[in-house]
Amino acid sequence: MNGRFTLSDDSHGVEQVGLNYTRVLDAIRRAGINDIEYLDSIGSSDSQALDERFQRVCWRTVSLNQLESHGFWKVG
């Protein structure tokens, strides 16, 4: 259906920001999602925005493997 999956945070206070992110990668894997989409500023190498209402942003994709290797997910 050509849908996109992106991460968000529905916290209702500072103490809840990222509360369940430690569980999100496993949930994404179980759902069979391989790519995460996110909005980014349009750079000089981008041809054009995908939505004329938001002319300075575009969608970017990161694979689940790339996301997992980011330092944010390293529990230490």
N, C-alpha and C. Protein backbone atom coordinates (compact mmCIF):
# COMPACT_ATOMS: atom_id res chain seq x y z
N MET A 1 0.82 -1.20 0.00
CA MET A 1 0.00 0.00 0.00
C MET A 1 0.87 1.26 0.00
N ASN A 2 2.18 1.09 -0.10
CA ASN A 2 3.13 2.20 -0.18
C ASN A 2 3.11 3.12 1.05
N GLY A 3 2.80 2.56 2.20
CA GLY A 3 2.82 3.36 3.42
C GLY A 3 4.25 3.57 3.91
N ARG A 4 4.42 4.54 4.78
CA ARG A 4 5.72 4.81 5.38
C ARG A 4 5.61 4.61 6.89
N PHE A 5 6.70 4.16 7.48
CA PHE A 5 6.74 4.01 8.93
C PHE A 5 7.80 4.96 9.47
N THR A 6 7.42 5.73 10.46
CA THR A 6 8.36 6.65 11.09
C THR A 6 8.21 6.55 12.60
N LEU A 7 9.24 6.94 13.32
CA LEU A 7 9.20 6.91 14.78
C LEU A 7 8.74 8.26 15.30
N SER A 8 8.04 8.22 16.41
CA SER A 8 7.55 9.43 17.04
C SER A 8 7.56 9.20 18.54
N ASP A 9 7.28 10.23 19.27
CA ASP A 9 7.25 10.13 20.72
C ASP A 9 5.99 10.82 21.21
N ASP A 10 5.12 10.08 21.87
CA ASP A 10 3.86 10.63 22.36
C ASP A 10 3.94 10.90 23.85
N SER A 11 5.07 11.40 24.30
CA SER A 11 5.23 11.66 25.73
C SER A 11 4.36 12.84 26.15
N HIS A 12 4.00 12.84 27.40
CA HIS A 12 3.18 13.91 27.94
C HIS A 12 3.93 14.71 29.00
N GLY A 13 5.22 14.49 29.04
CA GLY A 13 6.07 15.23 29.98
C GLY A 13 7.51 14.83 29.75
N VAL A 14 8.42 15.66 30.19
CA VAL A 14 9.85 15.43 29.97
C VAL A 14 10.30 14.06 30.49
N GLU A 15 9.79 13.65 31.62
CA GLU A 15 10.22 12.38 32.20
C GLU A 15 9.79 11.17 31.38
N GLN A 16 8.89 11.35 30.42
CA GLN A 16 8.42 10.24 29.58
C GLN A 16 9.03 10.22 28.19
N VAL A 17 9.83 11.19 27.82
CA VAL A 17 10.42 11.24 26.48
C VAL A 17 11.28 9.99 26.26
N GLY A 18 10.99 9.26 25.21
CA GLY A 18 11.75 8.06 24.87
C GLY A 18 11.54 6.89 25.80
N LEU A 19 10.50 6.90 26.60
CA LEU A 19 10.29 5.89 27.63
C LEU A 19 10.33 4.46 27.10
N ASN A 20 9.72 4.20 25.97
CA ASN A 20 9.65 2.83 25.46
C ASN A 20 10.50 2.59 24.22
N TYR A 21 11.42 3.49 23.94
CA TYR A 21 12.27 3.31 22.76
C TYR A 21 13.15 2.08 22.88
N THR A 22 13.43 1.62 24.09
CA THR A 22 14.25 0.41 24.24
C THR A 22 13.55 -0.82 23.67
N ARG A 23 12.23 -0.75 23.54
CA ARG A 23 11.46 -1.89 23.01
C ARG A 23 11.08 -1.73 21.54
N VAL A 24 11.32 -0.57 20.97
CA VAL A 24 10.78 -0.28 19.65
C VAL A 24 11.46 -1.09 18.53
N LEU A 25 12.76 -1.30 18.60
CA LEU A 25 13.43 -2.04 17.52
C LEU A 25 12.90 -3.47 17.41
N ASP A 26 12.67 -4.12 18.54
CA ASP A 26 12.13 -5.47 18.52
C ASP A 26 10.71 -5.48 17.93
N ALA A 27 9.91 -4.49 18.29
CA ALA A 27 8.54 -4.40 17.76
C ALA A 27 8.55 -4.17 16.25
N ILE A 28 9.47 -3.34 15.78
CA ILE A 28 9.59 -3.08 14.34
C ILE A 28 9.98 -4.37 13.62
N ARG A 29 10.94 -5.08 14.17
CA ARG A 29 11.37 -6.35 13.58
C ARG A 29 10.21 -7.35 13.50
N ARG A 30 9.47 -7.50 14.60
CA ARG A 30 8.34 -8.44 14.64
C ARG A 30 7.26 -8.07 13.62
N ALA A 31 7.10 -6.78 13.37
CA ALA A 31 6.09 -6.33 12.41
C ALA A 31 6.54 -6.50 10.96
N GLY A 32 7.81 -6.86 10.75
CA GLY A 32 8.32 -7.07 9.40
C GLY A 32 8.66 -5.78 8.68
N ILE A 33 8.90 -4.71 9.43
CA ILE A 33 9.25 -3.42 8.84
C ILE A 33 10.76 -3.40 8.63
N ASN A 34 11.19 -3.10 7.41
CA ASN A 34 12.61 -3.10 7.08
C ASN A 34 13.22 -1.71 6.95
N ASP A 35 12.39 -0.71 6.72
CA ASP A 35 12.87 0.65 6.50
C ASP A 35 12.08 1.64 7.34
N ILE A 36 12.78 2.63 7.86
CA ILE A 36 12.17 3.70 8.63
C ILE A 36 12.29 4.98 7.82
N GLU A 37 11.24 5.75 7.77
CA GLU A 37 11.24 7.02 7.04
C GLU A 37 11.35 8.17 8.02
N TYR A 38 12.00 9.24 7.60
CA TYR A 38 12.07 10.43 8.44
C TYR A 38 12.13 11.67 7.54
N LEU A 39 11.70 12.78 8.09
CA LEU A 39 11.74 14.04 7.36
C LEU A 39 13.09 14.70 7.57
N ASP A 40 13.61 15.32 6.51
CA ASP A 40 14.90 15.97 6.57
C ASP A 40 14.86 17.24 5.73
N SER A 41 15.75 18.15 6.03
CA SER A 41 15.85 19.37 5.23
C SER A 41 16.36 19.04 3.84
N ILE A 42 15.85 19.73 2.87
CA ILE A 42 16.29 19.52 1.50
C ILE A 42 17.68 20.13 1.33
N GLY A 43 18.59 19.35 0.79
CA GLY A 43 19.95 19.81 0.54
C GLY A 43 20.13 20.16 -0.93
N SER A 44 21.31 20.59 -1.27
CA SER A 44 21.59 21.02 -2.63
C SER A 44 21.53 19.88 -3.64
N SER A 45 21.70 18.63 -3.19
CA SER A 45 21.66 17.50 -4.11
C SER A 45 20.25 16.96 -4.34
N ASP A 46 19.27 17.47 -3.60
CA ASP A 46 17.89 17.01 -3.76
C ASP A 46 17.21 17.79 -4.87
N SER A 47 16.41 17.10 -5.66
CA SER A 47 15.77 17.76 -6.79
C SER A 47 14.61 18.65 -6.37
N GLN A 48 13.72 18.12 -5.54
CA GLN A 48 12.57 18.92 -5.10
C GLN A 48 11.85 18.25 -3.95
N ALA A 49 11.04 19.02 -3.29
CA ALA A 49 10.25 18.49 -2.18
C ALA A 49 9.17 17.57 -2.73
N LEU A 50 8.73 16.63 -1.91
CA LEU A 50 7.69 15.71 -2.33
C LEU A 50 6.29 16.27 -2.11
N ASP A 51 6.20 17.35 -1.38
CA ASP A 51 4.91 17.95 -1.06
C ASP A 51 5.05 19.45 -1.19
N GLU A 52 4.31 20.08 -2.08
CA GLU A 52 4.47 21.51 -2.33
C GLU A 52 4.13 22.37 -1.11
N ARG A 53 3.40 21.81 -0.15
CA ARG A 53 3.08 22.57 1.07
C ARG A 53 4.30 22.72 1.97
N PHE A 54 5.24 21.80 1.85
CA PHE A 54 6.43 21.79 2.70
C PHE A 54 7.66 21.77 1.79
N GLN A 55 7.98 22.89 1.25
CA GLN A 55 8.98 22.96 0.19
C GLN A 55 10.43 22.83 0.65
N ARG A 56 10.66 22.81 1.94
CA ARG A 56 12.04 22.73 2.42
C ARG A 56 12.37 21.40 3.10
N VAL A 57 11.45 20.42 3.00
CA VAL A 57 11.70 19.10 3.60
C VAL A 57 11.39 18.00 2.59
N CYS A 58 12.00 16.86 2.82
CA CYS A 58 11.73 15.68 1.99
C CYS A 58 11.84 14.44 2.87
N TRP A 59 11.33 13.33 2.37
CA TRP A 59 11.43 12.07 3.08
C TRP A 59 12.77 11.44 2.78
N ARG A 60 13.37 10.83 3.80
CA ARG A 60 14.58 10.03 3.65
C ARG A 60 14.28 8.66 4.25
N THR A 61 15.08 7.68 3.86
CA THR A 61 14.88 6.31 4.33
C THR A 61 16.15 5.79 4.98
N VAL A 62 15.99 5.07 6.06
CA VAL A 62 17.10 4.38 6.70
C VAL A 62 16.65 2.94 6.94
N SER A 63 17.53 1.99 6.64
CA SER A 63 17.17 0.59 6.85
C SER A 63 17.18 0.29 8.35
N LEU A 64 16.47 -0.74 8.72
CA LEU A 64 16.45 -1.16 10.12
C LEU A 64 17.86 -1.51 10.59
N ASN A 65 18.65 -2.16 9.72
CA ASN A 65 20.03 -2.50 10.08
C ASN A 65 20.86 -1.24 10.36
N GLN A 66 20.71 -0.22 9.52
CA GLN A 66 21.43 1.03 9.73
C GLN A 66 20.98 1.68 11.04
N LEU A 67 19.69 1.67 11.27
CA LEU A 67 19.15 2.28 12.49
C LEU A 67 19.70 1.58 13.73
N GLU A 68 19.73 0.27 13.71
CA GLU A 68 20.21 -0.51 14.86
C GLU A 68 21.67 -0.21 15.18
N SER A 69 22.46 0.13 14.17
CA SER A 69 23.89 0.36 14.39
C SER A 69 24.18 1.77 14.92
N HIS A 70 23.18 2.63 14.96
CA HIS A 70 23.38 3.99 15.47
C HIS A 70 23.65 3.95 16.98
N GLY A 71 24.52 4.81 17.44
CA GLY A 71 24.91 4.85 18.85
C GLY A 71 23.76 5.08 19.82
N PHE A 72 22.67 5.69 19.35
CA PHE A 72 21.51 5.93 20.21
C PHE A 72 21.00 4.64 20.85
N TRP A 73 21.07 3.55 20.10
CA TRP A 73 20.49 2.28 20.55
C TRP A 73 21.43 1.46 21.41
N LYS A 74 22.66 1.91 21.59
CA LYS A 74 23.62 1.18 22.42
C LYS A 74 23.31 1.43 23.88
N VAL A 75 22.88 0.40 24.56
CA VAL A 75 22.56 0.51 25.98
C VAL A 75 23.86 0.33 26.76
N GLY A 76 24.13 1.27 27.62
CA GLY A 76 25.42 1.15 28.25
C GLY A 76 25.43 1.45 29.65
